[in-house]
Amino acid sequence: MTQQLAKLKIMLAVVAVVATMVTSAIPAAFAQEVEREIAVTGVVSYQGTKADGTPIYGITDESTLGDARYQKEGYLMEGDYSAYVGKRITVHGVRESGHAERVLDVTRIE
């Protein structure tokens, strides 16, 4: 009986250690930089095409223009925005990482 109790205590200790390891690893997995949605208002311009033929358009955030403290913040948008070229719009999206240029993954347009 005492051997069974000792085995049970060891097993519970192992389960507690594993549970602690798993719960402490979960936040670390999600601790990567999570980009939040931003809004950019400006005039859309055609910037060319990628090697695969995907058109690329640009938009410069008006809120960064004309203020010496800020460098103009422009974003590239992949996809067909030809209907908006030369028009002032607001796009909402998430900045994509892993690009040499700032690329905005557009979620909606106003």
PDB file of N, CA and C in Angstrom:
ATOM      1  N   MET A   1       0.820  -1.195   0.000  1.00  0.00           N
ATOM      2  CA  MET A   1       0.000   0.000   0.000  1.00  0.00           C
ATOM      3  C   MET A   1       0.868   1.265   0.000  1.00  0.00           C
ATOM      4  N   THR A   2       1.947   1.283   0.769  1.00  0.00           N
ATOM      5  CA  THR A   2       2.807   2.451   0.816  1.00  0.00           C
ATOM      6  C   THR A   2       3.570   2.624  -0.495  1.00  0.00           C
ATOM      7  N   GLN A   3       3.872   1.514  -1.183  1.00  0.00           N
ATOM      8  CA  GLN A   3       4.531   1.619  -2.483  1.00  0.00           C
ATOM      9  C   GLN A   3       3.583   2.235  -3.503  1.00  0.00           C
ATOM     10  N   GLN A   4       2.331   1.867  -3.445  1.00  0.00           N
ATOM     11  CA  GLN A   4       1.341   2.433  -4.365  1.00  0.00           C
ATOM     12  C   GLN A   4       1.162   3.926  -4.099  1.00  0.00           C
ATOM     13  N   LEU A   5       1.174   4.296  -2.833  1.00  0.00           N
ATOM     14  CA  LEU A   5       1.042   5.712  -2.474  1.00  0.00           C
ATOM     15  C   LEU A   5       2.254   6.495  -2.960  1.00  0.00           C
ATOM     16  N   ALA A   6       3.424   5.925  -2.817  1.00  0.00           N
ATOM     17  CA  ALA A   6       4.647   6.586  -3.285  1.00  0.00           C
ATOM     18  C   ALA A   6       4.624   6.746  -4.794  1.00  0.00           C
ATOM     19  N   LYS A   7       4.199   5.714  -5.537  1.00  0.00           N
ATOM     20  CA  LYS A   7       4.099   5.778  -6.999  1.00  0.00           C
ATOM     21  C   LYS A   7       3.083   6.834  -7.427  1.00  0.00           C
ATOM     22  N   LEU A   8       1.968   6.896  -6.699  1.00  0.00           N
ATOM     23  CA  LEU A   8       0.932   7.891  -7.006  1.00  0.00           C
ATOM     24  C   LEU A   8       1.461   9.307  -6.801  1.00  0.00           C
ATOM     25  N   LYS A   9       2.216   9.525  -5.733  1.00  0.00           N
ATOM     26  CA  LYS A   9       2.789  10.850  -5.471  1.00  0.00           C
ATOM     27  C   LYS A   9       3.780  11.239  -6.561  1.00  0.00           C
ATOM     28  N   ILE A  10       4.615  10.268  -6.987  1.00  0.00           N
ATOM     29  CA  ILE A  10       5.579  10.551  -8.056  1.00  0.00           C
ATOM     30  C   ILE A  10       4.854  10.876  -9.349  1.00  0.00           C
ATOM     31  N   MET A  11       3.823  10.097  -9.660  1.00  0.00           N
ATOM     32  CA  MET A  11       3.066  10.322 -10.882  1.00  0.00           C
ATOM     33  C   MET A  11       2.386  11.701 -10.850  1.00  0.00           C
ATOM     34  N   LEU A  12       1.822  12.078  -9.737  1.00  0.00           N
ATOM     35  CA  LEU A  12       1.188  13.396  -9.612  1.00  0.00           C
ATOM     36  C   LEU A  12       2.216  14.515  -9.733  1.00  0.00           C
ATOM     37  N   ALA A  13       3.412  14.303  -9.188  1.00  0.00           N
ATOM     38  CA  ALA A  13       4.468  15.303  -9.307  1.00  0.00           C
ATOM     39  C   ALA A  13       4.895  15.472 -10.757  1.00  0.00           C
ATOM     40  N   VAL A  14       5.022  14.349 -11.490  1.00  0.00           N
ATOM     41  CA  VAL A  14       5.390  14.407 -12.903  1.00  0.00           C
ATOM     42  C   VAL A  14       4.308  15.131 -13.698  1.00  0.00           C
ATOM     43  N   VAL A  15       3.057  14.814 -13.437  1.00  0.00           N
ATOM     44  CA  VAL A  15       1.945  15.476 -14.137  1.00  0.00           C
ATOM     45  C   VAL A  15       1.954  16.980 -13.840  1.00  0.00           C
ATOM     46  N   ALA A  16       2.218  17.351 -12.598  1.00  0.00           N
ATOM     47  CA  ALA A  16       2.258  18.773 -12.235  1.00  0.00           C
ATOM     48  C   ALA A  16       3.393  19.493 -12.954  1.00  0.00           C
ATOM     49  N   VAL A  17       4.564  18.852 -13.060  1.00  0.00           N
ATOM     50  CA  VAL A  17       5.700  19.465 -13.746  1.00  0.00           C
ATOM     51  C   VAL A  17       5.396  19.631 -15.234  1.00  0.00           C
ATOM     52  N   VAL A  18       4.835  18.586 -15.859  1.00  0.00           N
ATOM     53  CA  VAL A  18       4.493  18.664 -17.287  1.00  0.00           C
ATOM     54  C   VAL A  18       3.441  19.740 -17.520  1.00  0.00           C
ATOM     55  N   ALA A  19       2.433  19.810 -16.665  1.00  0.00           N
ATOM     56  CA  ALA A  19       1.386  20.830 -16.820  1.00  0.00           C
ATOM     57  C   ALA A  19       1.974  22.228 -16.697  1.00  0.00           C
ATOM     58  N   THR A  20       2.897  22.420 -15.775  1.00  0.00           N
ATOM     59  CA  THR A  20       3.550  23.721 -15.614  1.00  0.00           C
ATOM     60  C   THR A  20       4.358  24.081 -16.850  1.00  0.00           C
ATOM     61  N   MET A  21       5.068  23.098 -17.401  1.00  0.00           N
ATOM     62  CA  MET A  21       5.868  23.357 -18.601  1.00  0.00           C
ATOM     63  C   MET A  21       4.982  23.727 -19.783  1.00  0.00           C
ATOM     64  N   VAL A  22       3.883  23.027 -19.946  1.00  0.00           N
ATOM     65  CA  VAL A  22       2.989  23.289 -21.077  1.00  0.00           C
ATOM     66  C   VAL A  22       2.339  24.659 -20.942  1.00  0.00           C
ATOM     67  N   THR A  23       1.853  24.988 -19.774  1.00  0.00           N
ATOM     68  CA  THR A  23       1.169  26.278 -19.606  1.00  0.00           C
ATOM     69  C   THR A  23       2.129  27.450 -19.692  1.00  0.00           C
ATOM     70  N   SER A  24       3.396  27.245 -19.353  1.00  0.00           N
ATOM     71  CA  SER A  24       4.346  28.353 -19.481  1.00  0.00           C
ATOM     72  C   SER A  24       4.832  28.501 -20.910  1.00  0.00           C
ATOM     73  N   ALA A  25       4.746  27.455 -21.715  1.00  0.00           N
ATOM     74  CA  ALA A  25       5.180  27.517 -23.115  1.00  0.00           C
ATOM     75  C   ALA A  25       4.126  28.139 -24.010  1.00  0.00           C
ATOM     76  N   ILE A  26       2.872  28.040 -23.662  1.00  0.00           N
ATOM     77  CA  ILE A  26       1.796  28.565 -24.513  1.00  0.00           C
ATOM     78  C   ILE A  26       1.895  30.076 -24.693  1.00  0.00           C
ATOM     79  N   PRO A  27       2.052  30.879 -23.634  1.00  0.00           N
ATOM     80  CA  PRO A  27       2.186  32.322 -23.865  1.00  0.00           C
ATOM     81  C   PRO A  27       3.413  32.673 -24.705  1.00  0.00           C
ATOM     82  N   ALA A  28       4.501  31.938 -24.556  1.00  0.00           N
ATOM     83  CA  ALA A  28       5.696  32.216 -25.348  1.00  0.00           C
ATOM     84  C   ALA A  28       5.435  31.985 -26.831  1.00  0.00           C
ATOM     85  N   ALA A  29       4.610  31.003 -27.150  1.00  0.00           N
ATOM     86  CA  ALA A  29       4.304  30.727 -28.548  1.00  0.00           C
ATOM     87  C   ALA A  29       3.515  31.871 -29.167  1.00  0.00           C
ATOM     88  N   PHE A  30       2.714  32.532 -28.373  1.00  0.00           N
ATOM     89  CA  PHE A  30       1.901  33.634 -28.881  1.00  0.00           C
ATOM     90  C   PHE A  30       2.523  34.988 -28.605  1.00  0.00           C
ATOM     91  N   ALA A  31       3.722  35.009 -28.053  1.00  0.00           N
ATOM     92  CA  ALA A  31       4.377  36.260 -27.693  1.00  0.00           C
ATOM     93  C   ALA A  31       5.021  36.950 -28.888  1.00  0.00           C
ATOM     94  N   GLN A  32       4.979  36.312 -30.060  1.00  0.00           N
ATOM     95  CA  GLN A  32       5.511  36.964 -31.242  1.00  0.00           C
ATOM     96  C   GLN A  32       4.763  38.267 -31.455  1.00  0.00           C
ATOM     97  N   GLU A  33       5.422  39.176 -32.132  1.00  0.00           N
ATOM     98  CA  GLU A  33       4.829  40.488 -32.349  1.00  0.00           C
ATOM     99  C   GLU A  33       3.525  40.344 -33.135  1.00  0.00           C
ATOM    100  N   VAL A  34       2.442  40.735 -32.510  1.00  0.00           N
ATOM    101  CA  VAL A  34       1.142  40.672 -33.155  1.00  0.00           C
ATOM    102  C   VAL A  34       0.815  42.076 -33.650  1.00  0.00           C
ATOM    103  N   GLU A  35       0.681  42.185 -34.937  1.00  0.00           N
ATOM    104  CA  GLU A  35       0.373  43.488 -35.515  1.00  0.00           C
ATOM    105  C   GLU A  35      -1.123  43.767 -35.363  1.00  0.00           C
ATOM    106  N   ARG A  36      -1.435  44.974 -35.039  1.00  0.00           N
ATOM    107  CA  ARG A  36      -2.835  45.361 -34.945  1.00  0.00           C
ATOM    108  C   ARG A  36      -3.219  46.087 -36.229  1.00  0.00           C
ATOM    109  N   GLU A  37      -4.493  46.137 -36.472  1.00  0.00           N
ATOM    110  CA  GLU A  37      -4.982  46.784 -37.681  1.00  0.00           C
ATOM    111  C   GLU A  37      -4.743  48.292 -37.593  1.00  0.00           C
ATOM    112  N   ILE A  38      -4.322  48.873 -38.710  1.00  0.00           N
ATOM    113  CA  ILE A  38      -4.117  50.313 -38.786  1.00  0.00           C
ATOM    114  C   ILE A  38      -4.990  50.866 -39.901  1.00  0.00           C
ATOM    115  N   ALA A  39      -5.193  52.168 -39.882  1.00  0.00           N
ATOM    116  CA  ALA A  39      -5.929  52.853 -40.942  1.00  0.00           C
ATOM    117  C   ALA A  39      -4.975  53.836 -41.615  1.00  0.00           C
ATOM    118  N   VAL A  40      -4.977  53.823 -42.941  1.00  0.00           N
ATOM    119  CA  VAL A  40      -4.114  54.717 -43.715  1.00  0.00           C
ATOM    120  C   VAL A  40      -5.003  55.465 -44.704  1.00  0.00           C
ATOM    121  N   THR A  41      -4.946  56.801 -44.664  1.00  0.00           N
ATOM    122  CA  THR A  41      -5.717  57.623 -45.591  1.00  0.00           C
ATOM    123  C   THR A  41      -4.760  58.325 -46.530  1.00  0.00           C
ATOM    124  N   GLY A  42      -5.033  58.219 -47.823  1.00  0.00           N
ATOM    125  CA  GLY A  42      -4.185  58.857 -48.807  1.00  0.00           C
ATOM    126  C   GLY A  42      -4.684  58.589 -50.212  1.00  0.00           C
ATOM    127  N   VAL A  43      -3.880  58.998 -51.187  1.00  0.00           N
ATOM    128  CA  VAL A  43      -4.226  58.826 -52.595  1.00  0.00           C
ATOM    129  C   VAL A  43      -3.490  57.591 -53.123  1.00  0.00           C
ATOM    130  N   VAL A  44      -4.225  56.732 -53.815  1.00  0.00           N
ATOM    131  CA  VAL A  44      -3.663  55.485 -54.339  1.00  0.00           C
ATOM    132  C   VAL A  44      -2.920  55.762 -55.640  1.00  0.00           C
ATOM    133  N   SER A  45      -1.744  55.132 -55.791  1.00  0.00           N
ATOM    134  CA  SER A  45      -0.964  55.263 -57.023  1.00  0.00           C
ATOM    135  C   SER A  45      -0.525  53.877 -57.488  1.00  0.00           C
ATOM    136  N   TYR A  46      -0.393  53.730 -58.804  1.00  0.00           N
ATOM    137  CA  TYR A  46       0.072  52.470 -59.385  1.00  0.00           C
ATOM    138  C   TYR A  46       1.588  52.413 -59.261  1.00  0.00           C
ATOM    139  N   GLN A  47       2.124  51.275 -58.788  1.00  0.00           N
ATOM    140  CA  GLN A  47       3.566  51.149 -58.562  1.00  0.00           C
ATOM    141  C   GLN A  47       4.234  50.105 -59.453  1.00  0.00           C
ATOM    142  N   GLY A  48       3.477  49.378 -60.247  1.00  0.00           N
ATOM    143  CA  GLY A  48       4.059  48.357 -61.124  1.00  0.00           C
ATOM    144  C   GLY A  48       3.485  46.985 -60.827  1.00  0.00           C
ATOM    145  N   THR A  49       4.222  45.959 -61.279  1.00  0.00           N
ATOM    146  CA  THR A  49       3.774  44.594 -61.040  1.00  0.00           C
ATOM    147  C   THR A  49       4.918  43.757 -60.485  1.00  0.00           C
ATOM    148  N   LYS A  50       4.553  42.726 -59.739  1.00  0.00           N
ATOM    149  CA  LYS A  50       5.538  41.772 -59.246  1.00  0.00           C
ATOM    150  C   LYS A  50       5.903  40.830 -60.387  1.00  0.00           C
ATOM    151  N   ALA A  51       6.924  40.017 -60.187  1.00  0.00           N
ATOM    152  CA  ALA A  51       7.369  39.065 -61.214  1.00  0.00           C
ATOM    153  C   ALA A  51       6.262  38.092 -61.602  1.00  0.00           C
ATOM    154  N   ASP A  52       5.370  37.789 -60.656  1.00  0.00           N
ATOM    155  CA  ASP A  52       4.285  36.851 -60.958  1.00  0.00           C
ATOM    156  C   ASP A  52       3.083  37.521 -61.612  1.00  0.00           C
ATOM    157  N   GLY A  53       3.196  38.833 -61.891  1.00  0.00           N
ATOM    158  CA  GLY A  53       2.114  39.560 -62.552  1.00  0.00           C
ATOM    159  C   GLY A  53       1.133  40.244 -61.624  1.00  0.00           C
ATOM    160  N   THR A  54       1.306  40.072 -60.305  1.00  0.00           N
ATOM    161  CA  THR A  54       0.409  40.717 -59.342  1.00  0.00           C
ATOM    162  C   THR A  54       0.643  42.220 -59.354  1.00  0.00           C
ATOM    163  N   PRO A  55      -0.408  43.015 -59.584  1.00  0.00           N
ATOM    164  CA  PRO A  55      -0.225  44.471 -59.564  1.00  0.00           C
ATOM    165  C   PRO A  55       0.064  44.973 -58.151  1.00  0.00           C
ATOM    166  N   ILE A  56       0.846  46.032 -58.083  1.00  0.00           N
ATOM    167  CA  ILE A  56       1.184  46.639 -56.795  1.00  0.00           C
ATOM    168  C   ILE A  56       0.786  48.109 -56.838  1.00  0.00           C
ATOM    169  N   TYR A  57       0.104  48.536 -55.795  1.00  0.00           N
ATOM    170  CA  TYR A  57      -0.328  49.927 -55.671  1.00  0.00           C
ATOM    171  C   TYR A  57       0.246  50.491 -54.384  1.00  0.00           C
ATOM    172  N   GLY A  58       0.373  51.800 -54.330  1.00  0.00           N
ATOM    173  CA  GLY A  58       0.923  52.450 -53.150  1.00  0.00           C
ATOM    174  C   GLY A  58      -0.053  53.450 -52.576  1.00  0.00           C
ATOM    175  N   ILE A  59       0.124  53.719 -51.294  1.00  0.00           N
ATOM    176  CA  ILE A  59      -0.657  54.756 -50.616  1.00  0.00           C
ATOM    177  C   ILE A  59       0.249  55.368 -49.554  1.00  0.00           C
ATOM    178  N   THR A  60       0.266  56.707 -49.473  1.00  0.00           N
ATOM    179  CA  THR A  60       1.057  57.414 -48.471  1.00  0.00           C
ATOM    180  C   THR A  60       0.107  58.008 -47.451  1.00  0.00           C
ATOM    181  N   ASP A  61       0.370  57.726 -46.201  1.00  0.00           N
ATOM    182  CA  ASP A  61      -0.495  58.188 -45.119  1.00  0.00           C
ATOM    183  C   ASP A  61      -0.441  59.706 -45.008  1.00  0.00           C
ATOM    184  N   GLU A  62      -1.582  60.353 -45.224  1.00  0.00           N
ATOM    185  CA  GLU A  62      -1.661  61.824 -45.159  1.00  0.00           C
ATOM    186  C   GLU A  62      -1.264  62.373 -43.801  1.00  0.00           C
ATOM    187  N   SER A  63      -1.466  61.612 -42.753  1.00  0.00           N
ATOM    188  CA  SER A  63      -1.182  62.134 -41.417  1.00  0.00           C
ATOM    189  C   SER A  63       0.310  62.352 -41.202  1.00  0.00           C
ATOM    190  N   THR A  64       1.163  61.786 -42.068  1.00  0.00           N
ATOM    191  CA  THR A  64       2.608  61.961 -41.919  1.00  0.00           C
ATOM    192  C   THR A  64       3.169  63.002 -42.881  1.00  0.00           C
ATOM    193  N   LEU A  65       2.336  63.592 -43.717  1.00  0.00           N
ATOM    194  CA  LEU A  65       2.799  64.590 -44.678  1.00  0.00           C
ATOM    195  C   LEU A  65       2.856  65.979 -44.050  1.00  0.00           C
ATOM    196  N   GLY A  66       3.849  66.758 -44.417  1.00  0.00           N
ATOM    197  CA  GLY A  66       3.919  68.154 -44.001  1.00  0.00           C
ATOM    198  C   GLY A  66       4.395  68.380 -42.588  1.00  0.00           C
ATOM    199  N   ASP A  67       4.750  67.347 -41.877  1.00  0.00           N
ATOM    200  CA  ASP A  67       5.248  67.501 -40.514  1.00  0.00           C
ATOM    201  C   ASP A  67       6.703  67.054 -40.516  1.00  0.00           C
ATOM    202  N   ALA A  68       7.603  67.979 -40.225  1.00  0.00           N
ATOM    203  CA  ALA A  68       9.042  67.700 -40.296  1.00  0.00           C
ATOM    204  C   ALA A  68       9.474  66.593 -39.334  1.00  0.00           C
ATOM    205  N   ARG A  69       8.678  66.353 -38.292  1.00  0.00           N
ATOM    206  CA  ARG A  69       9.053  65.311 -37.323  1.00  0.00           C
ATOM    207  C   ARG A  69       8.855  63.917 -37.888  1.00  0.00           C
ATOM    208  N   TYR A  70       8.021  63.786 -38.908  1.00  0.00           N
ATOM    209  CA  TYR A  70       7.701  62.472 -39.443  1.00  0.00           C
ATOM    210  C   TYR A  70       8.240  62.304 -40.848  1.00  0.00           C
ATOM    211  N   GLN A  71       8.701  61.113 -41.121  1.00  0.00           N
ATOM    212  CA  GLN A  71       9.045  60.751 -42.486  1.00  0.00           C
ATOM    213  C   GLN A  71       7.739  60.253 -43.122  1.00  0.00           C
ATOM    214  N   LYS A  72       7.560  60.508 -44.408  1.00  0.00           N
ATOM    215  CA  LYS A  72       6.345  60.036 -45.063  1.00  0.00           C
ATOM    216  C   LYS A  72       6.245  58.525 -44.904  1.00  0.00           C
ATOM    217  N   GLU A  73       5.082  58.059 -44.477  1.00  0.00           N
ATOM    218  CA  GLU A  73       4.869  56.627 -44.328  1.00  0.00           C
ATOM    219  C   GLU A  73       4.009  56.134 -45.474  1.00  0.00           C
ATOM    220  N   GLY A  74       4.643  55.427 -46.365  1.00  0.00           N
ATOM    221  CA  GLY A  74       3.914  54.856 -47.482  1.00  0.00           C
ATOM    222  C   GLY A  74       3.825  53.348 -47.341  1.00  0.00           C
ATOM    223  N   TYR A  75       2.821  52.772 -47.951  1.00  0.00           N
ATOM    224  CA  TYR A  75       2.607  51.334 -47.910  1.00  0.00           C
ATOM    225  C   TYR A  75       2.318  50.836 -49.314  1.00  0.00           C
ATOM    226  N   LEU A  76       2.760  49.636 -49.589  1.00  0.00           N
ATOM    227  CA  LEU A  76       2.410  48.971 -50.835  1.00  0.00           C
ATOM    228  C   LEU A  76       1.236  48.053 -50.561  1.00  0.00           C
ATOM    229  N   MET A  77       0.381  47.914 -51.560  1.00  0.00           N
ATOM    230  CA  MET A  77      -0.786  47.040 -51.447  1.00  0.00           C
ATOM    231  C   MET A  77      -0.787  46.126 -52.663  1.00  0.00           C
ATOM    232  N   GLU A  78      -0.794  44.822 -52.429  1.00  0.00           N
ATOM    233  CA  GLU A  78      -0.806  43.863 -53.519  1.00  0.00           C
ATOM    234  C   GLU A  78      -2.245  43.531 -53.874  1.00  0.00           C
ATOM    235  N   GLY A  79      -2.528  43.460 -55.169  1.00  0.00           N
ATOM    236  CA  GLY A  79      -3.882  43.152 -55.609  1.00  0.00           C
ATOM    237  C   GLY A  79      -4.388  44.219 -56.554  1.00  0.00           C
ATOM    238  N   ASP A  80      -5.636  44.122 -56.926  1.00  0.00           N
ATOM    239  CA  ASP A  80      -6.215  45.050 -57.895  1.00  0.00           C
ATOM    240  C   ASP A  80      -6.908  46.223 -57.203  1.00  0.00           C
ATOM    241  N   TYR A  81      -6.219  47.332 -57.183  1.00  0.00           N
ATOM    242  CA  TYR A  81      -6.779  48.575 -56.643  1.00  0.00           C
ATOM    243  C   TYR A  81      -6.894  49.614 -57.745  1.00  0.00           C
ATOM    244  N   SER A  82      -6.975  49.150 -58.993  1.00  0.00           N
ATOM    245  CA  SER A  82      -6.994  50.052 -60.148  1.00  0.00           C
ATOM    246  C   SER A  82      -8.177  51.018 -60.110  1.00  0.00           C
ATOM    247  N   ALA A  83      -9.277  50.613 -59.531  1.00  0.00           N
ATOM    248  CA  ALA A  83     -10.450  51.482 -59.451  1.00  0.00           C
ATOM    249  C   ALA A  83     -10.221  52.675 -58.527  1.00  0.00           C
ATOM    250  N   TYR A  84      -9.179  52.609 -57.711  1.00  0.00           N
ATOM    251  CA  TYR A  84      -8.928  53.659 -56.721  1.00  0.00           C
ATOM    252  C   TYR A  84      -7.748  54.556 -57.088  1.00  0.00           C
ATOM    253  N   VAL A  85      -7.068  54.302 -58.211  1.00  0.00           N
ATOM    254  CA  VAL A  85      -5.896  55.103 -58.590  1.00  0.00           C
ATOM    255  C   VAL A  85      -6.294  56.567 -58.728  1.00  0.00           C
ATOM    256  N   GLY A  86      -5.543  57.441 -58.062  1.00  0.00           N
ATOM    257  CA  GLY A  86      -5.814  58.877 -58.100  1.00  0.00           C
ATOM    258  C   GLY A  86      -6.898  59.323 -57.138  1.00  0.00           C
ATOM    259  N   LYS A  87      -7.499  58.388 -56.424  1.00  0.00           N
ATOM    260  CA  LYS A  87      -8.567  58.731 -55.482  1.00  0.00           C
ATOM    261  C   LYS A  87      -8.051  58.662 -54.058  1.00  0.00           C
ATOM    262  N   ARG A  88      -8.632  59.525 -53.232  1.00  0.00           N
ATOM    263  CA  ARG A  88      -8.299  59.555 -51.809  1.00  0.00           C
ATOM    264  C   ARG A  88      -9.220  58.566 -51.089  1.00  0.00           C
ATOM    265  N   ILE A  89      -8.617  57.574 -50.429  1.00  0.00           N
ATOM    266  CA  ILE A  89      -9.392  56.571 -49.708  1.00  0.00           C
ATOM    267  C   ILE A  89      -8.736  56.292 -48.361  1.00  0.00           C
ATOM    268  N   THR A  90      -9.445  55.569 -47.526  1.00  0.00           N
ATOM    269  CA  THR A  90      -8.885  55.063 -46.273  1.00  0.00           C
ATOM    270  C   THR A  90      -8.916  53.546 -46.349  1.00  0.00           C
ATOM    271  N   VAL A  91      -7.743  52.958 -46.156  1.00  0.00           N
ATOM    272  CA  VAL A  91      -7.664  51.499 -46.125  1.00  0.00           C
ATOM    273  C   VAL A  91      -7.319  51.070 -44.707  1.00  0.00           C
ATOM    274  N   HIS A  92      -7.875  49.954 -44.314  1.00  0.00           N
ATOM    275  CA  HIS A  92      -7.581  49.352 -43.020  1.00  0.00           C
ATOM    276  C   HIS A  92      -6.874  48.043 -43.295  1.00  0.00           C
ATOM    277  N   GLY A  93      -5.862  47.746 -42.514  1.00  0.00           N
ATOM    278  CA  GLY A  93      -5.150  46.505 -42.726  1.00  0.00           C
ATOM    279  C   GLY A  93      -4.063  46.279 -41.692  1.00  0.00           C
ATOM    280  N   VAL A  94      -3.330  45.206 -41.917  1.00  0.00           N
ATOM    281  CA  VAL A  94      -2.262  44.795 -41.020  1.00  0.00           C
ATOM    282  C   VAL A  94      -0.948  44.839 -41.788  1.00  0.00           C
ATOM    283  N   ARG A  95       0.070  45.396 -41.176  1.00  0.00           N
ATOM    284  CA  ARG A  95       1.389  45.443 -41.813  1.00  0.00           C
ATOM    285  C   ARG A  95       1.932  44.025 -41.929  1.00  0.00           C
ATOM    286  N   GLU A  96       2.429  43.689 -43.114  1.00  0.00           N
ATOM    287  CA  GLU A  96       3.045  42.382 -43.324  1.00  0.00           C
ATOM    288  C   GLU A  96       4.525  42.479 -43.007  1.00  0.00           C
ATOM    289  N   SER A  97       5.048  41.471 -42.371  1.00  0.00           N
ATOM    290  CA  SER A  97       6.481  41.450 -42.075  1.00  0.00           C
ATOM    291  C   SER A  97       7.199  40.601 -43.116  1.00  0.00           C
ATOM    292  N   GLY A  98       8.498  40.723 -43.162  1.00  0.00           N
ATOM    293  CA  GLY A  98       9.293  39.903 -44.060  1.00  0.00           C
ATOM    294  C   GLY A  98       9.468  40.475 -45.453  1.00  0.00           C
ATOM    295  N   HIS A  99       9.163  41.748 -45.640  1.00  0.00           N
ATOM    296  CA  HIS A  99       9.329  42.408 -46.930  1.00  0.00           C
ATOM    297  C   HIS A  99      10.359  43.528 -46.791  1.00  0.00           C
ATOM    298  N   ALA A 100      11.039  43.828 -47.881  1.00  0.00           N
ATOM    299  CA  ALA A 100      11.982  44.951 -47.870  1.00  0.00           C
ATOM    300  C   ALA A 100      11.227  46.274 -47.770  1.00  0.00           C
ATOM    301  N   GLU A 101      10.043  46.336 -48.335  1.00  0.00           N
ATOM    302  CA  GLU A 101       9.199  47.532 -48.300  1.00  0.00           C
ATOM    303  C   GLU A 101       8.058  47.301 -47.304  1.00  0.00           C
ATOM    304  N   ARG A 102       7.399  48.394 -46.903  1.00  0.00           N
ATOM    305  CA  ARG A 102       6.221  48.252 -46.045  1.00  0.00           C
ATOM    306  C   ARG A 102       5.048  47.815 -46.901  1.00  0.00           C
ATOM    307  N   VAL A 103       4.482  46.673 -46.567  1.00  0.00           N
ATOM    308  CA  VAL A 103       3.356  46.114 -47.297  1.00  0.00           C
ATOM    309  C   VAL A 103       2.176  46.036 -46.344  1.00  0.00           C
ATOM    310  N   LEU A 104       1.021  46.496 -46.819  1.00  0.00           N
ATOM    311  CA  LEU A 104      -0.186  46.482 -46.020  1.00  0.00           C
ATOM    312  C   LEU A 104      -1.135  45.423 -46.552  1.00  0.00           C
ATOM    313  N   ASP A 105      -1.526  44.491 -45.705  1.00  0.00           N
ATOM    314  CA  ASP A 105      -2.519  43.482 -46.053  1.00  0.00           C
ATOM    315  C   ASP A 105      -3.883  44.101 -45.752  1.00  0.00           C
ATOM    316  N   VAL A 106      -4.531  44.594 -46.802  1.00  0.00           N
ATOM    317  CA  VAL A 106      -5.763  45.371 -46.666  1.00  0.00           C
ATOM    318  C   VAL A 106      -6.924  44.455 -46.294  1.00  0.00           C
ATOM    319  N   THR A 107      -7.660  44.859 -45.252  1.00  0.00           N
ATOM    320  CA  THR A 107      -8.828  44.095 -44.800  1.00  0.00           C
ATOM    321  C   THR A 107     -10.139  44.774 -45.216  1.00  0.00           C
ATOM    322  N   ARG A 108     -10.111  46.108 -45.355  1.00  0.00           N
ATOM    323  CA  ARG A 108     -11.319  46.825 -45.812  1.00  0.00           C
ATOM    324  C   ARG A 108     -10.943  48.202 -46.326  1.00  0.00           C
ATOM    325  N   ILE A 109     -11.835  48.757 -47.133  1.00  0.00           N
ATOM    326  CA  ILE A 109     -11.624  50.071 -47.747  1.00  0.00           C
ATOM    327  C   ILE A 109     -12.826  50.957 -47.467  1.00  0.00           C
ATOM    328  N   GLU A 110     -12.553  52.217 -47.140  1.00  0.00           N
ATOM    329  CA  GLU A 110     -13.638  53.203 -46.939  1.00  0.00           C
ATOM    330  C   GLU A 110     -13.501  54.281 -47.979  1.00  0.00           C
TER     331      GLU A 110
END
